[in-house]
């Protein structure tokens, strides 16, 4: 991961200003959980370091002191995120989307 940009405050603002119709489309596409991300102001260097040291298959973070197991609840508590609730129910199959939804998906 060479470049990681995560401006959650901009994402939060975008959803706050979005029409209800567009919010419904985003939810139908399986990305409704993104609307609940709080507007964090965490330095990109910290997020990049966390992303680069996190091992998804093992749910561990490798540090200079060794590796340790983490749970979504732990990460949520550390970053002030809600780690339960409106999560994508399943992977979105792009081929099954309507042309309108494909266009929204590409923009998103």
PDB file of N, CA and C in Angstrom:
ATOM      1  N   UNK A   1       0.844  -1.163   0.000  1.00  0.00           N
ATOM      2  CA  UNK A   1       0.000   0.000   0.000  1.00  0.00           C
ATOM      3  C   UNK A   1       0.895   1.233   0.000  1.00  0.00           C
ATOM      4  N   UNK A   2       1.097   1.780  -1.152  1.00  0.00           N
ATOM      5  CA  UNK A   2       2.009   2.894  -1.253  1.00  0.00           C
ATOM      6  C   UNK A   2       1.366   4.220  -0.867  1.00  0.00           C
ATOM      7  N   UNK A   3       0.115   4.404  -1.247  1.00  0.00           N
ATOM      8  CA  UNK A   3      -0.550   5.664  -0.957  1.00  0.00           C
ATOM      9  C   UNK A   3      -1.900   5.388  -0.314  1.00  0.00           C
ATOM     10  N   UNK A   4      -2.070   5.820   0.892  1.00  0.00           N
ATOM     11  CA  UNK A   4      -3.322   5.601   1.604  1.00  0.00           C
ATOM     12  C   UNK A   4      -3.865   6.952   2.039  1.00  0.00           C
ATOM     13  N   UNK A   5      -4.971   7.334   1.493  1.00  0.00           N
ATOM     14  CA  UNK A   5      -5.626   8.584   1.882  1.00  0.00           C
ATOM     15  C   UNK A   5      -6.976   8.217   2.457  1.00  0.00           C
ATOM     16  N   UNK A   6      -7.244   8.692   3.643  1.00  0.00           N
ATOM     17  CA  UNK A   6      -8.495   8.364   4.297  1.00  0.00           C
ATOM     18  C   UNK A   6      -8.988   9.593   5.045  1.00  0.00           C
ATOM     19  N   UNK A   7      -9.695  10.456   4.351  1.00  0.00           N
ATOM     20  CA  UNK A   7     -10.243  11.658   4.963  1.00  0.00           C
ATOM     21  C   UNK A   7     -11.688  11.375   5.346  1.00  0.00           C
ATOM     22  N   UNK A   8     -11.867  10.749   6.503  1.00  0.00           N
ATOM     23  CA  UNK A   8     -13.211  10.351   6.904  1.00  0.00           C
ATOM     24  C   UNK A   8     -14.116  11.553   7.133  1.00  0.00           C
ATOM     25  N   UNK A   9     -13.535  12.690   7.490  1.00  0.00           N
ATOM     26  CA  UNK A   9     -14.375  13.870   7.673  1.00  0.00           C
ATOM     27  C   UNK A   9     -14.979  14.322   6.341  1.00  0.00           C
ATOM     28  N   UNK A  10     -14.255  14.132   5.236  1.00  0.00           N
ATOM     29  CA  UNK A  10     -14.802  14.468   3.922  1.00  0.00           C
ATOM     30  C   UNK A  10     -15.882  13.473   3.504  1.00  0.00           C
ATOM     31  N   UNK A  11     -15.657  12.197   3.802  1.00  0.00           N
ATOM     32  CA  UNK A  11     -16.640  11.166   3.505  1.00  0.00           C
ATOM     33  C   UNK A  11     -17.928  11.416   4.294  1.00  0.00           C
ATOM     34  N   UNK A  12     -17.780  11.735   5.559  1.00  0.00           N
ATOM     35  CA  UNK A  12     -18.925  12.024   6.409  1.00  0.00           C
ATOM     36  C   UNK A  12     -19.704  13.229   5.883  1.00  0.00           C
ATOM     37  N   UNK A  13     -18.997  14.261   5.483  1.00  0.00           N
ATOM     38  CA  UNK A  13     -19.643  15.464   4.933  1.00  0.00           C
ATOM     39  C   UNK A  13     -20.387  15.138   3.642  1.00  0.00           C
ATOM     40  N   UNK A  14     -19.792  14.312   2.795  1.00  0.00           N
ATOM     41  CA  UNK A  14     -20.418  13.924   1.532  1.00  0.00           C
ATOM     42  C   UNK A  14     -21.755  13.229   1.782  1.00  0.00           C
ATOM     43  N   UNK A  15     -21.775  12.283   2.724  1.00  0.00           N
ATOM     44  CA  UNK A  15     -23.015  11.572   3.030  1.00  0.00           C
ATOM     45  C   UNK A  15     -24.032  12.486   3.701  1.00  0.00           C
ATOM     46  N   UNK A  16     -23.564  13.404   4.532  1.00  0.00           N
ATOM     47  CA  UNK A  16     -24.474  14.318   5.220  1.00  0.00           C
ATOM     48  C   UNK A  16     -25.221  15.195   4.207  1.00  0.00           C
ATOM     49  N   UNK A  17     -24.540  15.580   3.124  1.00  0.00           N
ATOM     50  CA  UNK A  17     -25.127  16.450   2.115  1.00  0.00           C
ATOM     51  C   UNK A  17     -25.820  15.696   0.984  1.00  0.00           C
ATOM     52  N   UNK A  18     -25.818  14.372   1.034  1.00  0.00           N
ATOM     53  CA  UNK A  18     -26.391  13.551  -0.020  1.00  0.00           C
ATOM     54  C   UNK A  18     -27.912  13.450   0.142  1.00  0.00           C
ATOM     55  N   UNK A  19     -28.609  13.406  -0.976  1.00  0.00           N
ATOM     56  CA  UNK A  19     -30.065  13.271  -0.927  1.00  0.00           C
ATOM     57  C   UNK A  19     -30.445  11.884  -0.400  1.00  0.00           C
ATOM     58  N   UNK A  20     -31.672  11.784   0.123  1.00  0.00           N
ATOM     59  CA  UNK A  20     -32.148  10.493   0.637  1.00  0.00           C
ATOM     60  C   UNK A  20     -32.181   9.439  -0.466  1.00  0.00           C
ATOM     61  N   UNK A  21     -32.507   9.861  -1.681  1.00  0.00           N
ATOM     62  CA  UNK A  21     -32.550   8.931  -2.811  1.00  0.00           C
ATOM     63  C   UNK A  21     -31.161   8.328  -3.071  1.00  0.00           C
ATOM     64  N   UNK A  22     -30.143   9.165  -3.054  1.00  0.00           N
ATOM     65  CA  UNK A  22     -28.779   8.667  -3.276  1.00  0.00           C
ATOM     66  C   UNK A  22     -28.322   7.795  -2.122  1.00  0.00           C
ATOM     67  N   UNK A  23     -28.703   8.151  -0.894  1.00  0.00           N
ATOM     68  CA  UNK A  23     -28.347   7.328   0.267  1.00  0.00           C
ATOM     69  C   UNK A  23     -28.962   5.934   0.140  1.00  0.00           C
ATOM     70  N   UNK A  24     -30.186   5.880  -0.358  1.00  0.00           N
ATOM     71  CA  UNK A  24     -30.857   4.591  -0.544  1.00  0.00           C
ATOM     72  C   UNK A  24     -30.123   3.753  -1.586  1.00  0.00           C
ATOM     73  N   UNK A  25     -29.649   4.389  -2.657  1.00  0.00           N
ATOM     74  CA  UNK A  25     -28.906   3.671  -3.696  1.00  0.00           C
ATOM     75  C   UNK A  25     -27.605   3.119  -3.117  1.00  0.00           C
ATOM     76  N   UNK A  26     -26.905   3.940  -2.338  1.00  0.00           N
ATOM     77  CA  UNK A  26     -25.647   3.498  -1.719  1.00  0.00           C
ATOM     78  C   UNK A  26     -25.911   2.304  -0.805  1.00  0.00           C
ATOM     79  N   UNK A  27     -26.988   2.357  -0.051  1.00  0.00           N
ATOM     80  CA  UNK A  27     -27.353   1.243   0.836  1.00  0.00           C
ATOM     81  C   UNK A  27     -27.681  -0.003   0.029  1.00  0.00           C
ATOM     82  N   UNK A  28     -28.444   0.167  -1.063  1.00  0.00           N
ATOM     83  CA  UNK A  28     -28.794  -0.973  -1.919  1.00  0.00           C
ATOM     84  C   UNK A  28     -27.562  -1.627  -2.534  1.00  0.00           C
ATOM     85  N   UNK A  29     -26.527  -0.841  -2.788  1.00  0.00           N
ATOM     86  CA  UNK A  29     -25.293  -1.381  -3.343  1.00  0.00           C
ATOM     87  C   UNK A  29     -24.445  -2.099  -2.289  1.00  0.00           C
ATOM     88  N   UNK A  30     -24.844  -1.979  -1.006  1.00  0.00           N
ATOM     89  CA  UNK A  30     -24.122  -2.667   0.059  1.00  0.00           C
ATOM     90  C   UNK A  30     -23.080  -1.829   0.750  1.00  0.00           C
ATOM     91  N   UNK A  31     -23.116  -0.501   0.545  1.00  0.00           N
ATOM     92  CA  UNK A  31     -22.124   0.380   1.160  1.00  0.00           C
ATOM     93  C   UNK A  31     -22.733   1.291   2.220  1.00  0.00           C
ATOM     94  N   UNK A  32     -23.900   0.919   2.743  1.00  0.00           N
ATOM     95  CA  UNK A  32     -24.582   1.743   3.733  1.00  0.00           C
ATOM     96  C   UNK A  32     -23.775   1.959   4.998  1.00  0.00           C
ATOM     97  N   UNK A  33     -22.930   1.009   5.334  1.00  0.00           N
ATOM     98  CA  UNK A  33     -22.098   1.137   6.532  1.00  0.00           C
ATOM     99  C   UNK A  33     -21.174   2.336   6.487  1.00  0.00           C
ATOM    100  N   UNK A  34     -20.792   2.758   5.285  1.00  0.00           N
ATOM    101  CA  UNK A  34     -19.908   3.916   5.160  1.00  0.00           C
ATOM    102  C   UNK A  34     -20.559   5.194   5.669  1.00  0.00           C
ATOM    103  N   UNK A  35     -21.890   5.232   5.658  1.00  0.00           N
ATOM    104  CA  UNK A  35     -22.589   6.435   6.121  1.00  0.00           C
ATOM    105  C   UNK A  35     -22.465   6.626   7.629  1.00  0.00           C
ATOM    106  N   UNK A  36     -22.020   5.600   8.334  1.00  0.00           N
ATOM    107  CA  UNK A  36     -21.937   5.666   9.790  1.00  0.00           C
ATOM    108  C   UNK A  36     -20.512   5.877  10.289  1.00  0.00           C
ATOM    109  N   UNK A  37     -19.579   6.127   9.379  1.00  0.00           N
ATOM    110  CA  UNK A  37     -18.197   6.386   9.786  1.00  0.00           C
ATOM    111  C   UNK A  37     -18.124   7.816  10.312  1.00  0.00           C
ATOM    112  N   UNK A  38     -17.645   7.989  11.539  1.00  0.00           N
ATOM    113  CA  UNK A  38     -17.576   9.345  12.086  1.00  0.00           C
ATOM    114  C   UNK A  38     -16.482  10.164  11.399  1.00  0.00           C
ATOM    115  N   UNK A  39     -16.592  11.481  11.467  1.00  0.00           N
ATOM    116  CA  UNK A  39     -15.588  12.341  10.822  1.00  0.00           C
ATOM    117  C   UNK A  39     -14.289  12.416  11.625  1.00  0.00           C
ATOM    118  N   UNK A  40     -13.497  11.360  11.544  1.00  0.00           N
ATOM    119  CA  UNK A  40     -12.226  11.309  12.268  1.00  0.00           C
ATOM    120  C   UNK A  40     -11.194  12.222  11.615  1.00  0.00           C
ATOM    121  N   UNK A  41     -10.304  12.698  12.416  1.00  0.00           N
ATOM    122  CA  UNK A  41      -9.178  13.456  11.884  1.00  0.00           C
ATOM    123  C   UNK A  41      -7.904  12.783  12.400  1.00  0.00           C
ATOM    124  N   UNK A  42      -7.626  11.616  11.806  1.00  0.00           N
ATOM    125  CA  UNK A  42      -6.454  10.822  12.171  1.00  0.00           C
ATOM    126  C   UNK A  42      -5.392  11.041  11.104  1.00  0.00           C
ATOM    127  N   UNK A  43      -4.157  11.241  11.535  1.00  0.00           N
ATOM    128  CA  UNK A  43      -3.075  11.474  10.585  1.00  0.00           C
ATOM    129  C   UNK A  43      -2.933  10.299   9.628  1.00  0.00           C
ATOM    130  N   UNK A  44      -2.697  10.626   8.360  1.00  0.00           N
ATOM    131  CA  UNK A  44      -2.556   9.605   7.335  1.00  0.00           C
ATOM    132  C   UNK A  44      -1.392   8.662   7.638  1.00  0.00           C
ATOM    133  N   UNK A  45      -0.345   9.156   8.243  1.00  0.00           N
ATOM    134  CA  UNK A  45       0.809   8.311   8.555  1.00  0.00           C
ATOM    135  C   UNK A  45       0.429   7.198   9.534  1.00  0.00           C
ATOM    136  N   UNK A  46      -0.427   7.533  10.490  1.00  0.00           N
ATOM    137  CA  UNK A  46      -0.864   6.517  11.453  1.00  0.00           C
ATOM    138  C   UNK A  46      -1.736   5.473  10.767  1.00  0.00           C
ATOM    139  N   UNK A  47      -2.696   5.935   9.955  1.00  0.00           N
ATOM    140  CA  UNK A  47      -3.564   4.990   9.245  1.00  0.00           C
ATOM    141  C   UNK A  47      -2.771   4.123   8.286  1.00  0.00           C
ATOM    142  N   UNK A  48      -1.807   4.716   7.606  1.00  0.00           N
ATOM    143  CA  UNK A  48      -0.976   3.962   6.668  1.00  0.00           C
ATOM    144  C   UNK A  48      -0.170   2.898   7.406  1.00  0.00           C
ATOM    145  N   UNK A  49       0.393   3.258   8.535  1.00  0.00           N
ATOM    146  CA  UNK A  49       1.165   2.301   9.324  1.00  0.00           C
ATOM    147  C   UNK A  49       0.289   1.159   9.817  1.00  0.00           C
ATOM    148  N   UNK A  50      -0.912   1.480  10.288  1.00  0.00           N
ATOM    149  CA  UNK A  50      -1.838   0.431  10.734  1.00  0.00           C
ATOM    150  C   UNK A  50      -2.226  -0.484   9.581  1.00  0.00           C
ATOM    151  N   UNK A  51      -2.554   0.117   8.434  1.00  0.00           N
ATOM    152  CA  UNK A  51      -2.960  -0.683   7.275  1.00  0.00           C
ATOM    153  C   UNK A  51      -1.828  -1.584   6.797  1.00  0.00           C
ATOM    154  N   UNK A  52      -0.617  -1.072   6.784  1.00  0.00           N
ATOM    155  CA  UNK A  52       0.522  -1.860   6.311  1.00  0.00           C
ATOM    156  C   UNK A  52       0.925  -2.963   7.284  1.00  0.00           C
ATOM    157  N   UNK A  53       0.644  -2.794   8.571  1.00  0.00           N
ATOM    158  CA  UNK A  53       1.065  -3.803   9.548  1.00  0.00           C
ATOM    159  C   UNK A  53      -0.053  -4.786   9.896  1.00  0.00           C
ATOM    160  N   UNK A  54      -1.268  -4.544   9.381  1.00  0.00           N
ATOM    161  CA  UNK A  54      -2.389  -5.438   9.669  1.00  0.00           C
ATOM    162  C   UNK A  54      -2.376  -6.626   8.728  1.00  0.00           C
ATOM    163  N   UNK A  55      -2.475  -7.820   9.281  1.00  0.00           N
ATOM    164  CA  UNK A  55      -2.521  -9.066   8.515  1.00  0.00           C
ATOM    165  C   UNK A  55      -3.952  -9.573   8.539  1.00  0.00           C
ATOM    166  N   UNK A  56      -4.665  -9.382   7.422  1.00  0.00           N
ATOM    167  CA  UNK A  56      -6.100  -9.650   7.358  1.00  0.00           C
ATOM    168  C   UNK A  56      -6.447 -11.100   7.674  1.00  0.00           C
ATOM    169  N   UNK A  57      -5.766 -12.034   7.092  1.00  0.00           N
ATOM    170  CA  UNK A  57      -6.100 -13.451   7.297  1.00  0.00           C
ATOM    171  C   UNK A  57      -5.965 -13.903   8.735  1.00  0.00           C
ATOM    172  N   UNK A  58      -5.068 -13.257   9.470  1.00  0.00           N
ATOM    173  CA  UNK A  58      -4.815 -13.653  10.859  1.00  0.00           C
ATOM    174  C   UNK A  58      -5.402 -12.670  11.873  1.00  0.00           C
ATOM    175  N   UNK A  59      -5.916 -11.539  11.397  1.00  0.00           N
ATOM    176  CA  UNK A  59      -6.428 -10.477  12.278  1.00  0.00           C
ATOM    177  C   UNK A  59      -5.388 -10.067  13.320  1.00  0.00           C
ATOM    178  N   UNK A  60      -4.178  -9.864  12.844  1.00  0.00           N
ATOM    179  CA  UNK A  60      -3.109  -9.448  13.744  1.00  0.00           C
ATOM    180  C   UNK A  60      -2.451  -8.169  13.225  1.00  0.00           C
ATOM    181  N   UNK A  61      -1.840  -7.460  14.142  1.00  0.00           N
ATOM    182  CA  UNK A  61      -1.028  -6.298  13.789  1.00  0.00           C
ATOM    183  C   UNK A  61       0.396  -6.615  14.216  1.00  0.00           C
ATOM    184  N   UNK A  62       1.314  -6.454  13.280  1.00  0.00           N
ATOM    185  CA  UNK A  62       2.720  -6.727  13.557  1.00  0.00           C
ATOM    186  C   UNK A  62       3.396  -5.418  13.940  1.00  0.00           C
ATOM    187  N   UNK A  63       4.012  -5.399  15.105  1.00  0.00           N
ATOM    188  CA  UNK A  63       4.698  -4.197  15.584  1.00  0.00           C
ATOM    189  C   UNK A  63       6.149  -4.531  15.898  1.00  0.00           C
ATOM    190  N   UNK A  64       6.879  -3.544  16.302  1.00  0.00           N
ATOM    191  CA  UNK A  64       8.262  -3.759  16.722  1.00  0.00           C
ATOM    192  C   UNK A  64       8.361  -4.615  17.975  1.00  0.00           C
ATOM    193  N   UNK A  65       7.251  -4.751  18.684  1.00  0.00           N
ATOM    194  CA  UNK A  65       7.219  -5.548  19.911  1.00  0.00           C
ATOM    195  C   UNK A  65       6.657  -6.938  19.682  1.00  0.00           C
ATOM    196  N   UNK A  66       6.360  -7.273  18.425  1.00  0.00           N
ATOM    197  CA  UNK A  66       5.782  -8.560  18.098  1.00  0.00           C
ATOM    198  C   UNK A  66       4.407  -8.382  17.485  1.00  0.00           C
ATOM    199  N   UNK A  67       3.717  -9.486  17.272  1.00  0.00           N
ATOM    200  CA  UNK A  67       2.379  -9.449  16.693  1.00  0.00           C
ATOM    201  C   UNK A  67       1.337  -9.672  17.774  1.00  0.00           C
ATOM    202  N   UNK A  68       0.199  -9.053  17.610  1.00  0.00           N
ATOM    203  CA  UNK A  68      -0.899  -9.308  18.536  1.00  0.00           C
ATOM    204  C   UNK A  68      -2.215  -9.318  17.780  1.00  0.00           C
ATOM    205  N   UNK A  69      -3.125 -10.122  18.292  1.00  0.00           N
ATOM    206  CA  UNK A  69      -4.437 -10.299  17.671  1.00  0.00           C
ATOM    207  C   UNK A  69      -5.316  -9.103  18.002  1.00  0.00           C
ATOM    208  N   UNK A  70      -6.072  -8.652  17.008  1.00  0.00           N
ATOM    209  CA  UNK A  70      -7.010  -7.555  17.221  1.00  0.00           C
ATOM    210  C   UNK A  70      -8.388  -7.967  16.728  1.00  0.00           C
ATOM    211  N   UNK A  71      -9.388  -7.365  17.319  1.00  0.00           N
ATOM    212  CA  UNK A  71     -10.771  -7.605  16.920  1.00  0.00           C
ATOM    213  C   UNK A  71     -11.356  -6.277  16.447  1.00  0.00           C
ATOM    214  N   UNK A  72     -12.371  -6.339  15.600  1.00  0.00           N
ATOM    215  CA  UNK A  72     -13.002  -5.090  15.153  1.00  0.00           C
ATOM    216  C   UNK A  72     -13.414  -4.196  16.320  1.00  0.00           C
ATOM    217  N   UNK A  73     -13.862  -4.812  17.401  1.00  0.00           N
ATOM    218  CA  UNK A  73     -14.276  -4.041  18.581  1.00  0.00           C
ATOM    219  C   UNK A  73     -13.105  -3.239  19.154  1.00  0.00           C
ATOM    220  N   UNK A  74     -11.909  -3.824  19.157  1.00  0.00           N
ATOM    221  CA  UNK A  74     -10.721  -3.151  19.669  1.00  0.00           C
ATOM    222  C   UNK A  74     -10.351  -1.961  18.785  1.00  0.00           C
ATOM    223  N   UNK A  75     -10.367  -2.190  17.477  1.00  0.00           N
ATOM    224  CA  UNK A  75     -10.044  -1.110  16.541  1.00  0.00           C
ATOM    225  C   UNK A  75     -11.092  -0.013  16.638  1.00  0.00           C
ATOM    226  N   UNK A  76     -12.353  -0.407  16.752  1.00  0.00           N
ATOM    227  CA  UNK A  76     -13.429   0.562  16.891  1.00  0.00           C
ATOM    228  C   UNK A  76     -13.261   1.417  18.128  1.00  0.00           C
ATOM    229  N   UNK A  77     -12.896   0.783  19.233  1.00  0.00           N
ATOM    230  CA  UNK A  77     -12.696   1.526  20.481  1.00  0.00           C
ATOM    231  C   UNK A  77     -11.523   2.500  20.356  1.00  0.00           C
ATOM    232  N   UNK A  78     -10.454   2.058  19.702  1.00  0.00           N
ATOM    233  CA  UNK A  78      -9.271   2.907  19.556  1.00  0.00           C
ATOM    234  C   UNK A  78      -9.529   4.112  18.656  1.00  0.00           C
ATOM    235  N   UNK A  79     -10.312   3.915  17.591  1.00  0.00           N
ATOM    236  CA  UNK A  79     -10.547   4.989  16.628  1.00  0.00           C
ATOM    237  C   UNK A  79     -11.922   5.634  16.772  1.00  0.00           C
ATOM    238  N   UNK A  80     -12.716   5.164  17.731  1.00  0.00           N
ATOM    239  CA  UNK A  80     -14.042   5.736  17.931  1.00  0.00           C
ATOM    240  C   UNK A  80     -15.029   5.365  16.842  1.00  0.00           C
ATOM    241  N   UNK A  81     -14.928   4.136  16.307  1.00  0.00           N
ATOM    242  CA  UNK A  81     -15.804   3.677  15.235  1.00  0.00           C
ATOM    243  C   UNK A  81     -16.873   2.739  15.763  1.00  0.00           C
ATOM    244  N   UNK A  82     -18.031   2.749  15.121  1.00  0.00           N
ATOM    245  CA  UNK A  82     -19.072   1.770  15.408  1.00  0.00           C
ATOM    246  C   UNK A  82     -18.733   0.526  14.599  1.00  0.00           C
ATOM    247  N   UNK A  83     -18.450  -0.575  15.256  1.00  0.00           N
ATOM    248  CA  UNK A  83     -18.018  -1.780  14.543  1.00  0.00           C
ATOM    249  C   UNK A  83     -19.119  -2.810  14.402  1.00  0.00           C
ATOM    250  N   UNK A  84     -20.345  -2.402  14.624  1.00  0.00           N
ATOM    251  CA  UNK A  84     -21.455  -3.321  14.411  1.00  0.00           C
ATOM    252  C   UNK A  84     -22.576  -2.571  13.730  1.00  0.00           C
ATOM    253  N   UNK A  85     -23.473  -3.303  13.139  1.00  0.00           N
ATOM    254  CA  UNK A  85     -24.625  -2.646  12.538  1.00  0.00           C
ATOM    255  C   UNK A  85     -24.689  -2.814  11.046  1.00  0.00           C
ATOM    256  N   UNK A  86     -24.792  -1.731  10.317  1.00  0.00           N
ATOM    257  CA  UNK A  86     -25.078  -1.730   8.889  1.00  0.00           C
ATOM    258  C   UNK A  86     -23.826  -2.089   8.073  1.00  0.00           C
ATOM    259  N   UNK A  87     -23.523  -3.352   8.006  1.00  0.00           N
ATOM    260  CA  UNK A  87     -22.374  -3.824   7.245  1.00  0.00           C
ATOM    261  C   UNK A  87     -22.845  -4.397   5.920  1.00  0.00           C
ATOM    262  N   UNK A  88     -21.984  -4.398   4.879  1.00  0.00           N
ATOM    263  CA  UNK A  88     -22.399  -4.989   3.604  1.00  0.00           C
ATOM    264  C   UNK A  88     -22.806  -6.446   3.805  1.00  0.00           C
ATOM    265  N   UNK A  89     -23.999  -6.840   3.347  1.00  0.00           N
ATOM    266  CA  UNK A  89     -24.467  -8.209   3.572  1.00  0.00           C
ATOM    267  C   UNK A  89     -23.669  -9.243   2.788  1.00  0.00           C
ATOM    268  N   UNK A  90     -23.156  -8.849   1.642  1.00  0.00           N
ATOM    269  CA  UNK A  90     -22.391  -9.770   0.813  1.00  0.00           C
ATOM    270  C   UNK A  90     -21.631  -8.971  -0.230  1.00  0.00           C
ATOM    271  N   UNK A  91     -20.757  -9.635  -0.910  1.00  0.00           N
ATOM    272  CA  UNK A  91     -19.988  -8.984  -1.959  1.00  0.00           C
ATOM    273  C   UNK A  91     -20.925  -8.589  -3.103  1.00  0.00           C
ATOM    274  N   UNK A  92     -20.720  -7.391  -3.641  1.00  0.00           N
ATOM    275  CA  UNK A  92     -21.538  -6.917  -4.745  1.00  0.00           C
ATOM    276  C   UNK A  92     -21.019  -7.517  -6.038  1.00  0.00           C
ATOM    277  N   UNK A  93     -21.905  -8.158  -6.806  1.00  0.00           N
ATOM    278  CA  UNK A  93     -21.529  -8.711  -8.094  1.00  0.00           C
ATOM    279  C   UNK A  93     -21.813  -7.645  -9.154  1.00  0.00           C
ATOM    280  N   UNK A  94     -20.766  -7.047  -9.658  1.00  0.00           N
ATOM    281  CA  UNK A  94     -20.874  -5.938 -10.598  1.00  0.00           C
ATOM    282  C   UNK A  94     -21.710  -6.315 -11.821  1.00  0.00           C
ATOM    283  N   UNK A  95     -21.562  -7.534 -12.306  1.00  0.00           N
ATOM    284  CA  UNK A  95     -22.281  -7.980 -13.507  1.00  0.00           C
ATOM    285  C   UNK A  95     -23.794  -7.995 -13.304  1.00  0.00           C
ATOM    286  N   UNK A  96     -24.254  -8.163 -12.066  1.00  0.00           N
ATOM    287  CA  UNK A  96     -25.688  -8.234 -11.784  1.00  0.00           C
ATOM    288  C   UNK A  96     -26.347  -6.865 -11.608  1.00  0.00           C
ATOM    289  N   UNK A  97     -25.559  -5.804 -11.585  1.00  0.00           N
ATOM    290  CA  UNK A  97     -26.107  -4.468 -11.375  1.00  0.00           C
ATOM    291  C   UNK A  97     -26.741  -3.923 -12.648  1.00  0.00           C
ATOM    292  N   UNK A  98     -27.729  -3.059 -12.473  1.00  0.00           N
ATOM    293  CA  UNK A  98     -28.314  -2.363 -13.629  1.00  0.00           C
ATOM    294  C   UNK A  98     -27.284  -1.364 -14.164  1.00  0.00           C
ATOM    295  N   UNK A  99     -27.507  -0.873 -15.356  1.00  0.00           N
ATOM    296  CA  UNK A  99     -26.559   0.090 -15.939  1.00  0.00           C
ATOM    297  C   UNK A  99     -26.445   1.345 -15.082  1.00  0.00           C
ATOM    298  N   UNK A 100     -27.569   1.815 -14.541  1.00  0.00           N
ATOM    299  CA  UNK A 100     -27.541   2.994 -13.658  1.00  0.00           C
ATOM    300  C   UNK A 100     -26.694   2.726 -12.417  1.00  0.00           C
ATOM    301  N   UNK A 101     -26.889   1.556 -11.811  1.00  0.00           N
ATOM    302  CA  UNK A 101     -26.119   1.217 -10.616  1.00  0.00           C
ATOM    303  C   UNK A 101     -24.651   0.978 -10.931  1.00  0.00           C
ATOM    304  N   UNK A 102     -24.350   0.459 -12.117  1.00  0.00           N
ATOM    305  CA  UNK A 102     -22.951   0.293 -12.512  1.00  0.00           C
ATOM    306  C   UNK A 102     -22.259   1.648 -12.606  1.00  0.00           C
ATOM    307  N   UNK A 103     -22.983   2.626 -13.132  1.00  0.00           N
ATOM    308  CA  UNK A 103     -22.409   3.968 -13.241  1.00  0.00           C
ATOM    309  C   UNK A 103     -22.158   4.551 -11.847  1.00  0.00           C
ATOM    310  N   UNK A 104     -23.106   4.378 -10.930  1.00  0.00           N
ATOM    311  CA  UNK A 104     -22.928   4.857  -9.560  1.00  0.00           C
ATOM    312  C   UNK A 104     -21.769   4.129  -8.900  1.00  0.00           C
ATOM    313  N   UNK A 105     -21.700   2.816  -9.112  1.00  0.00           N
ATOM    314  CA  UNK A 105     -20.624   2.009  -8.529  1.00  0.00           C
ATOM    315  C   UNK A 105     -19.265   2.513  -9.010  1.00  0.00           C
ATOM    316  N   UNK A 106     -19.139   2.788 -10.307  1.00  0.00           N
ATOM    317  CA  UNK A 106     -17.863   3.263 -10.844  1.00  0.00           C
ATOM    318  C   UNK A 106     -17.489   4.620 -10.256  1.00  0.00           C
ATOM    319  N   UNK A 107     -18.467   5.508 -10.110  1.00  0.00           N
ATOM    320  CA  UNK A 107     -18.191   6.824  -9.526  1.00  0.00           C
ATOM    321  C   UNK A 107     -17.769   6.705  -8.089  1.00  0.00           C
ATOM    322  N   UNK A 108     -18.431   5.772  -7.370  1.00  0.00           N
ATOM    323  CA  UNK A 108     -18.154   5.612  -5.951  1.00  0.00           C
ATOM    324  C   UNK A 108     -16.762   5.059  -5.746  1.00  0.00           C
TER     325      UNK A 108
END
